[in-house]
């Protein structure tokens, strides 16, 4: 049996649920990063550069969260197929 078709141990956390939990956490972090960057009173070119870096990090978190959600769906589909 291929690893994709193996069932997880009884009582063990569901792998797809774990991926979804990590996805939700990353999405939450992305939102917090965006909010924190916008709330800064700091002004000037360095502040703008910092905000851009934080926004890029938040976007990477959101992208990774989306990837984890897709992986969770795919994992669940292979288990139910």
PDB file of N, CA and C in Angstrom:
ATOM      1  N   UNK A   1       0.858  -1.179   0.000  1.00  0.00           N
ATOM      2  CA  UNK A   1       0.000   0.000   0.000  1.00  0.00           C
ATOM      3  C   UNK A   1       0.900   1.238   0.000  1.00  0.00           C
ATOM      4  N   UNK A   2       0.574   2.211  -0.833  1.00  0.00           N
ATOM      5  CA  UNK A   2       1.395   3.417  -0.911  1.00  0.00           C
ATOM      6  C   UNK A   2       1.178   4.270   0.339  1.00  0.00           C
ATOM      7  N   UNK A   3       2.170   5.118   0.675  1.00  0.00           N
ATOM      8  CA  UNK A   3       2.022   5.977   1.862  1.00  0.00           C
ATOM      9  C   UNK A   3       0.785   6.860   1.803  1.00  0.00           C
ATOM     10  N   UNK A   4       0.379   7.265   0.605  1.00  0.00           N
ATOM     11  CA  UNK A   4      -0.798   8.138   0.487  1.00  0.00           C
ATOM     12  C   UNK A   4      -2.078   7.426   0.895  1.00  0.00           C
ATOM     13  N   UNK A   5      -2.087   6.087   0.823  1.00  0.00           N
ATOM     14  CA  UNK A   5      -3.294   5.343   1.152  1.00  0.00           C
ATOM     15  C   UNK A   5      -3.284   4.754   2.560  1.00  0.00           C
ATOM     16  N   UNK A   6      -2.219   4.946   3.285  1.00  0.00           N
ATOM     17  CA  UNK A   6      -2.176   4.433   4.658  1.00  0.00           C
ATOM     18  C   UNK A   6      -3.084   5.260   5.551  1.00  0.00           C
ATOM     19  N   UNK A   7      -3.700   4.601   6.464  1.00  0.00           N
ATOM     20  CA  UNK A   7      -4.532   5.291   7.458  1.00  0.00           C
ATOM     21  C   UNK A   7      -3.636   5.683   8.630  1.00  0.00           C
ATOM     22  N   UNK A   8      -3.976   6.782   9.259  1.00  0.00           N
ATOM     23  CA  UNK A   8      -3.207   7.167  10.431  1.00  0.00           C
ATOM     24  C   UNK A   8      -3.638   6.317  11.623  1.00  0.00           C
ATOM     25  N   UNK A   9      -2.787   6.306  12.620  1.00  0.00           N
ATOM     26  CA  UNK A   9      -3.060   5.497  13.816  1.00  0.00           C
ATOM     27  C   UNK A   9      -4.348   5.951  14.491  1.00  0.00           C
ATOM     28  N   UNK A  10      -5.130   4.997  15.001  1.00  0.00           N
ATOM     29  CA  UNK A  10      -6.328   5.382  15.759  1.00  0.00           C
ATOM     30  C   UNK A  10      -5.933   6.263  16.944  1.00  0.00           C
ATOM     31  N   UNK A  11      -6.651   7.316  17.136  1.00  0.00           N
ATOM     32  CA  UNK A  11      -6.369   8.231  18.240  1.00  0.00           C
ATOM     33  C   UNK A  11      -5.347   9.298  17.895  1.00  0.00           C
ATOM     34  N   UNK A  12      -4.632   9.105  16.784  1.00  0.00           N
ATOM     35  CA  UNK A  12      -3.654  10.113  16.365  1.00  0.00           C
ATOM     36  C   UNK A  12      -4.392  11.258  15.673  1.00  0.00           C
ATOM     37  N   UNK A  13      -3.826  12.454  15.735  1.00  0.00           N
ATOM     38  CA  UNK A  13      -4.484  13.573  15.057  1.00  0.00           C
ATOM     39  C   UNK A  13      -4.554  13.311  13.551  1.00  0.00           C
ATOM     40  N   UNK A  14      -5.618  13.745  12.935  1.00  0.00           N
ATOM     41  CA  UNK A  14      -5.779  13.590  11.497  1.00  0.00           C
ATOM     42  C   UNK A  14      -4.785  14.511  10.783  1.00  0.00           C
ATOM     43  N   UNK A  15      -3.974  13.979   9.869  1.00  0.00           N
ATOM     44  CA  UNK A  15      -2.975  14.814   9.186  1.00  0.00           C
ATOM     45  C   UNK A  15      -3.596  15.985   8.423  1.00  0.00           C
ATOM     46  N   UNK A  16      -4.726  15.758   7.769  1.00  0.00           N
ATOM     47  CA  UNK A  16      -5.373  16.849   7.031  1.00  0.00           C
ATOM     48  C   UNK A  16      -5.834  17.946   7.991  1.00  0.00           C
ATOM     49  N   UNK A  17      -6.354  17.549   9.138  1.00  0.00           N
ATOM     50  CA  UNK A  17      -6.762  18.546  10.135  1.00  0.00           C
ATOM     51  C   UNK A  17      -5.556  19.328  10.640  1.00  0.00           C
ATOM     52  N   UNK A  18      -4.435  18.641  10.815  1.00  0.00           N
ATOM     53  CA  UNK A  18      -3.213  19.323  11.243  1.00  0.00           C
ATOM     54  C   UNK A  18      -2.766  20.358  10.224  1.00  0.00           C
ATOM     55  N   UNK A  19      -2.825  19.999   8.942  1.00  0.00           N
ATOM     56  CA  UNK A  19      -2.473  20.955   7.894  1.00  0.00           C
ATOM     57  C   UNK A  19      -3.422  22.146   7.899  1.00  0.00           C
ATOM     58  N   UNK A  20      -4.701  21.882   8.100  1.00  0.00           N
ATOM     59  CA  UNK A  20      -5.677  22.987   8.147  1.00  0.00           C
ATOM     60  C   UNK A  20      -5.429  23.898   9.350  1.00  0.00           C
ATOM     61  N   UNK A  21      -5.050  23.303  10.460  1.00  0.00           N
ATOM     62  CA  UNK A  21      -4.751  24.107  11.651  1.00  0.00           C
ATOM     63  C   UNK A  21      -3.539  25.005  11.399  1.00  0.00           C
ATOM     64  N   UNK A  22      -2.508  24.445  10.790  1.00  0.00           N
ATOM     65  CA  UNK A  22      -1.327  25.256  10.463  1.00  0.00           C
ATOM     66  C   UNK A  22      -1.692  26.352   9.462  1.00  0.00           C
ATOM     67  N   UNK A  23      -2.548  26.024   8.513  1.00  0.00           N
ATOM     68  CA  UNK A  23      -2.996  27.004   7.534  1.00  0.00           C
ATOM     69  C   UNK A  23      -3.713  28.167   8.219  1.00  0.00           C
ATOM     70  N   UNK A  24      -4.616  27.850   9.119  1.00  0.00           N
ATOM     71  CA  UNK A  24      -5.358  28.894   9.837  1.00  0.00           C
ATOM     72  C   UNK A  24      -4.423  29.759  10.673  1.00  0.00           C
ATOM     73  N   UNK A  25      -3.433  29.130  11.287  1.00  0.00           N
ATOM     74  CA  UNK A  25      -2.469  29.883  12.093  1.00  0.00           C
ATOM     75  C   UNK A  25      -1.672  30.842  11.221  1.00  0.00           C
ATOM     76  N   UNK A  26      -1.217  30.367  10.060  1.00  0.00           N
ATOM     77  CA  UNK A  26      -0.471  31.238   9.151  1.00  0.00           C
ATOM     78  C   UNK A  26      -1.331  32.390   8.655  1.00  0.00           C
ATOM     79  N   UNK A  27      -2.596  32.119   8.348  1.00  0.00           N
ATOM     80  CA  UNK A  27      -3.496  33.198   7.904  1.00  0.00           C
ATOM     81  C   UNK A  27      -3.665  34.243   9.009  1.00  0.00           C
ATOM     82  N   UNK A  28      -3.797  33.779  10.233  1.00  0.00           N
ATOM     83  CA  UNK A  28      -3.929  34.687  11.369  1.00  0.00           C
ATOM     84  C   UNK A  28      -2.674  35.549  11.527  1.00  0.00           C
ATOM     85  N   UNK A  29      -1.520  34.921  11.388  1.00  0.00           N
ATOM     86  CA  UNK A  29      -0.262  35.675  11.487  1.00  0.00           C
ATOM     87  C   UNK A  29      -0.160  36.710  10.365  1.00  0.00           C
ATOM     88  N   UNK A  30      -0.590  36.342   9.175  1.00  0.00           N
ATOM     89  CA  UNK A  30      -0.548  37.282   8.054  1.00  0.00           C
ATOM     90  C   UNK A  30      -1.409  38.507   8.349  1.00  0.00           C
ATOM     91  N   UNK A  31      -2.605  38.284   8.867  1.00  0.00           N
ATOM     92  CA  UNK A  31      -3.487  39.405   9.206  1.00  0.00           C
ATOM     93  C   UNK A  31      -2.881  40.282  10.289  1.00  0.00           C
ATOM     94  N   UNK A  32      -2.289  39.644  11.292  1.00  0.00           N
ATOM     95  CA  UNK A  32      -1.666  40.410  12.378  1.00  0.00           C
ATOM     96  C   UNK A  32      -0.478  41.221  11.874  1.00  0.00           C
ATOM     97  N   UNK A  33       0.315  40.641  10.972  1.00  0.00           N
ATOM     98  CA  UNK A  33       1.448  41.373  10.407  1.00  0.00           C
ATOM     99  C   UNK A  33       0.973  42.595   9.630  1.00  0.00           C
ATOM    100  N   UNK A  34      -0.036  42.421   8.792  1.00  0.00           N
ATOM    101  CA  UNK A  34      -0.581  43.559   8.037  1.00  0.00           C
ATOM    102  C   UNK A  34      -1.076  44.647   8.989  1.00  0.00           C
ATOM    103  N   UNK A  35      -1.838  44.260   9.997  1.00  0.00           N
ATOM    104  CA  UNK A  35      -2.393  45.236  10.941  1.00  0.00           C
ATOM    105  C   UNK A  35      -1.296  45.954  11.716  1.00  0.00           C
ATOM    106  N   UNK A  36      -0.295  45.219  12.147  1.00  0.00           N
ATOM    107  CA  UNK A  36       0.795  45.833  12.918  1.00  0.00           C
ATOM    108  C   UNK A  36       1.577  46.825  12.064  1.00  0.00           C
ATOM    109  N   UNK A  37       1.828  46.473  10.816  1.00  0.00           N
ATOM    110  CA  UNK A  37       2.572  47.374   9.937  1.00  0.00           C
ATOM    111  C   UNK A  37       1.786  48.653   9.674  1.00  0.00           C
ATOM    112  N   UNK A  38       0.486  48.529   9.494  1.00  0.00           N
ATOM    113  CA  UNK A  38      -0.344  49.706   9.236  1.00  0.00           C
ATOM    114  C   UNK A  38      -0.487  50.588  10.467  1.00  0.00           C
ATOM    115  N   UNK A  39      -0.366  50.014  11.642  1.00  0.00           N
ATOM    116  CA  UNK A  39      -0.563  50.768  12.882  1.00  0.00           C
ATOM    117  C   UNK A  39       0.677  51.545  13.323  1.00  0.00           C
ATOM    118  N   UNK A  40       1.801  51.340  12.668  1.00  0.00           N
ATOM    119  CA  UNK A  40       3.027  52.036  13.072  1.00  0.00           C
ATOM    120  C   UNK A  40       2.912  53.539  12.859  1.00  0.00           C
ATOM    121  N   UNK A  41       3.416  54.313  13.827  1.00  0.00           N
ATOM    122  CA  UNK A  41       3.452  55.767  13.693  1.00  0.00           C
ATOM    123  C   UNK A  41       4.713  56.233  12.974  1.00  0.00           C
ATOM    124  N   UNK A  42       5.636  55.356  12.797  1.00  0.00           N
ATOM    125  CA  UNK A  42       6.919  55.648  12.175  1.00  0.00           C
ATOM    126  C   UNK A  42       6.698  56.112  10.737  1.00  0.00           C
ATOM    127  N   UNK A  43       7.349  57.203  10.342  1.00  0.00           N
ATOM    128  CA  UNK A  43       7.201  57.758   8.991  1.00  0.00           C
ATOM    129  C   UNK A  43       8.572  57.901   8.341  1.00  0.00           C
ATOM    130  N   UNK A  44       8.558  57.986   7.029  1.00  0.00           N
ATOM    131  CA  UNK A  44       9.786  58.198   6.278  1.00  0.00           C
ATOM    132  C   UNK A  44      10.119  57.014   5.392  1.00  0.00           C
ATOM    133  N   UNK A  45      11.199  57.158   4.617  1.00  0.00           N
ATOM    134  CA  UNK A  45      11.561  56.111   3.665  1.00  0.00           C
ATOM    135  C   UNK A  45      11.906  54.777   4.329  1.00  0.00           C
ATOM    136  N   UNK A  46      12.556  54.830   5.466  1.00  0.00           N
ATOM    137  CA  UNK A  46      12.889  53.577   6.160  1.00  0.00           C
ATOM    138  C   UNK A  46      11.625  52.896   6.674  1.00  0.00           C
ATOM    139  N   UNK A  47      10.684  53.679   7.142  1.00  0.00           N
ATOM    140  CA  UNK A  47       9.413  53.118   7.611  1.00  0.00           C
ATOM    141  C   UNK A  47       8.655  52.483   6.451  1.00  0.00           C
ATOM    142  N   UNK A  48       8.665  53.152   5.308  1.00  0.00           N
ATOM    143  CA  UNK A  48       7.995  52.595   4.129  1.00  0.00           C
ATOM    144  C   UNK A  48       8.651  51.287   3.700  1.00  0.00           C
ATOM    145  N   UNK A  49       9.973  51.246   3.740  1.00  0.00           N
ATOM    146  CA  UNK A  49      10.694  50.020   3.381  1.00  0.00           C
ATOM    147  C   UNK A  49      10.370  48.902   4.369  1.00  0.00           C
ATOM    148  N   UNK A  50      10.299  49.262   5.649  1.00  0.00           N
ATOM    149  CA  UNK A  50       9.965  48.263   6.671  1.00  0.00           C
ATOM    150  C   UNK A  50       8.556  47.719   6.440  1.00  0.00           C
ATOM    151  N   UNK A  51       7.606  48.617   6.187  1.00  0.00           N
ATOM    152  CA  UNK A  51       6.230  48.182   5.922  1.00  0.00           C
ATOM    153  C   UNK A  51       6.164  47.268   4.698  1.00  0.00           C
ATOM    154  N   UNK A  52       6.939  47.597   3.676  1.00  0.00           N
ATOM    155  CA  UNK A  52       6.956  46.758   2.472  1.00  0.00           C
ATOM    156  C   UNK A  52       7.498  45.368   2.791  1.00  0.00           C
ATOM    157  N   UNK A  53       8.533  45.290   3.611  1.00  0.00           N
ATOM    158  CA  UNK A  53       9.085  43.983   4.008  1.00  0.00           C
ATOM    159  C   UNK A  53       8.071  43.182   4.820  1.00  0.00           C
ATOM    160  N   UNK A  54       7.387  43.859   5.733  1.00  0.00           N
ATOM    161  CA  UNK A  54       6.379  43.174   6.545  1.00  0.00           C
ATOM    162  C   UNK A  54       5.219  42.713   5.664  1.00  0.00           C
ATOM    163  N   UNK A  55       4.813  43.554   4.723  1.00  0.00           N
ATOM    164  CA  UNK A  55       3.732  43.173   3.806  1.00  0.00           C
ATOM    165  C   UNK A  55       4.144  41.964   2.967  1.00  0.00           C
ATOM    166  N   UNK A  56       5.392  41.930   2.520  1.00  0.00           N
ATOM    167  CA  UNK A  56       5.879  40.786   1.740  1.00  0.00           C
ATOM    168  C   UNK A  56       5.883  39.521   2.590  1.00  0.00           C
ATOM    169  N   UNK A  57       6.294  39.645   3.834  1.00  0.00           N
ATOM    170  CA  UNK A  57       6.285  38.493   4.742  1.00  0.00           C
ATOM    171  C   UNK A  57       4.852  38.012   4.969  1.00  0.00           C
ATOM    172  N   UNK A  58       3.940  38.949   5.164  1.00  0.00           N
ATOM    173  CA  UNK A  58       2.536  38.581   5.365  1.00  0.00           C
ATOM    174  C   UNK A  58       1.982  37.865   4.133  1.00  0.00           C
ATOM    175  N   UNK A  59       2.354  38.327   2.952  1.00  0.00           N
ATOM    176  CA  UNK A  59       1.897  37.667   1.723  1.00  0.00           C
ATOM    177  C   UNK A  59       2.473  36.261   1.605  1.00  0.00           C
ATOM    178  N   UNK A  60       3.726  36.083   2.008  1.00  0.00           N
ATOM    179  CA  UNK A  60       4.312  34.732   1.984  1.00  0.00           C
ATOM    180  C   UNK A  60       3.577  33.822   2.955  1.00  0.00           C
ATOM    181  N   UNK A  61       3.217  34.354   4.119  1.00  0.00           N
ATOM    182  CA  UNK A  61       2.440  33.559   5.085  1.00  0.00           C
ATOM    183  C   UNK A  61       1.090  33.169   4.493  1.00  0.00           C
ATOM    184  N   UNK A  62       0.419  34.120   3.857  1.00  0.00           N
ATOM    185  CA  UNK A  62      -0.889  33.841   3.265  1.00  0.00           C
ATOM    186  C   UNK A  62      -0.775  32.824   2.132  1.00  0.00           C
ATOM    187  N   UNK A  63       0.279  32.940   1.323  1.00  0.00           N
ATOM    188  CA  UNK A  63       0.497  31.985   0.236  1.00  0.00           C
ATOM    189  C   UNK A  63       0.750  30.588   0.787  1.00  0.00           C
ATOM    190  N   UNK A  64       1.588  30.507   1.811  1.00  0.00           N
ATOM    191  CA  UNK A  64       1.869  29.206   2.434  1.00  0.00           C
ATOM    192  C   UNK A  64       0.601  28.618   3.047  1.00  0.00           C
ATOM    193  N   UNK A  65      -0.216  29.467   3.655  1.00  0.00           N
ATOM    194  CA  UNK A  65      -1.477  28.997   4.238  1.00  0.00           C
ATOM    195  C   UNK A  65      -2.369  28.400   3.159  1.00  0.00           C
ATOM    196  N   UNK A  66      -2.436  29.058   2.021  1.00  0.00           N
ATOM    197  CA  UNK A  66      -3.225  28.531   0.916  1.00  0.00           C
ATOM    198  C   UNK A  66      -2.693  27.191   0.429  1.00  0.00           C
ATOM    199  N   UNK A  67      -1.375  27.071   0.361  1.00  0.00           N
ATOM    200  CA  UNK A  67      -0.770  25.809  -0.049  1.00  0.00           C
ATOM    201  C   UNK A  67      -1.062  24.684   0.923  1.00  0.00           C
ATOM    202  N   UNK A  68      -1.023  24.984   2.205  1.00  0.00           N
ATOM    203  CA  UNK A  68      -1.337  23.964   3.206  1.00  0.00           C
ATOM    204  C   UNK A  68      -2.797  23.531   3.117  1.00  0.00           C
ATOM    205  N   UNK A  69      -3.684  24.481   2.865  1.00  0.00           N
ATOM    206  CA  UNK A  69      -5.106  24.141   2.734  1.00  0.00           C
ATOM    207  C   UNK A  69      -5.336  23.237   1.522  1.00  0.00           C
ATOM    208  N   UNK A  70      -4.668  23.540   0.422  1.00  0.00           N
ATOM    209  CA  UNK A  70      -4.785  22.696  -0.772  1.00  0.00           C
ATOM    210  C   UNK A  70      -4.236  21.303  -0.482  1.00  0.00           C
ATOM    211  N   UNK A  71      -3.087  21.246   0.187  1.00  0.00           N
ATOM    212  CA  UNK A  71      -2.494  19.947   0.526  1.00  0.00           C
ATOM    213  C   UNK A  71      -3.424  19.134   1.421  1.00  0.00           C
ATOM    214  N   UNK A  72      -4.076  19.795   2.359  1.00  0.00           N
ATOM    215  CA  UNK A  72      -5.016  19.094   3.245  1.00  0.00           C
ATOM    216  C   UNK A  72      -6.174  18.517   2.441  1.00  0.00           C
ATOM    217  N   UNK A  73      -6.696  19.302   1.511  1.00  0.00           N
ATOM    218  CA  UNK A  73      -7.796  18.814   0.668  1.00  0.00           C
ATOM    219  C   UNK A  73      -7.352  17.629  -0.181  1.00  0.00           C
ATOM    220  N   UNK A  74      -6.160  17.721  -0.752  1.00  0.00           N
ATOM    221  CA  UNK A  74      -5.649  16.628  -1.578  1.00  0.00           C
ATOM    222  C   UNK A  74      -5.420  15.374  -0.744  1.00  0.00           C
ATOM    223  N   UNK A  75      -4.889  15.546   0.444  1.00  0.00           N
ATOM    224  CA  UNK A  75      -4.661  14.407   1.327  1.00  0.00           C
ATOM    225  C   UNK A  75      -5.979  13.732   1.670  1.00  0.00           C
ATOM    226  N   UNK A  76      -6.970  14.526   1.975  1.00  0.00           N
ATOM    227  CA  UNK A  76      -8.281  13.980   2.309  1.00  0.00           C
ATOM    228  C   UNK A  76      -8.902  13.256   1.105  1.00  0.00           C
ATOM    229  N   UNK A  77      -8.730  13.824  -0.081  1.00  0.00           N
ATOM    230  CA  UNK A  77      -9.267  13.187  -1.291  1.00  0.00           C
ATOM    231  C   UNK A  77      -8.615  11.832  -1.539  1.00  0.00           C
ATOM    232  N   UNK A  78      -7.300  11.731  -1.338  1.00  0.00           N
ATOM    233  CA  UNK A  78      -6.617  10.455  -1.583  1.00  0.00           C
ATOM    234  C   UNK A  78      -7.037   9.410  -0.564  1.00  0.00           C
ATOM    235  N   UNK A  79      -7.378   9.845   0.631  1.00  0.00           N
ATOM    236  CA  UNK A  79      -7.795   8.887   1.665  1.00  0.00           C
ATOM    237  C   UNK A  79      -9.205   8.378   1.420  1.00  0.00           C
ATOM    238  N   UNK A  80     -10.047   9.214   0.818  1.00  0.00           N
ATOM    239  CA  UNK A  80     -11.436   8.803   0.609  1.00  0.00           C
ATOM    240  C   UNK A  80     -11.645   8.150  -0.757  1.00  0.00           C
ATOM    241  N   UNK A  81     -10.628   8.205  -1.596  1.00  0.00           N
ATOM    242  CA  UNK A  81     -10.755   7.610  -2.950  1.00  0.00           C
ATOM    243  C   UNK A  81     -10.627   6.099  -2.908  1.00  0.00           C
TER     244      UNK A  81
END
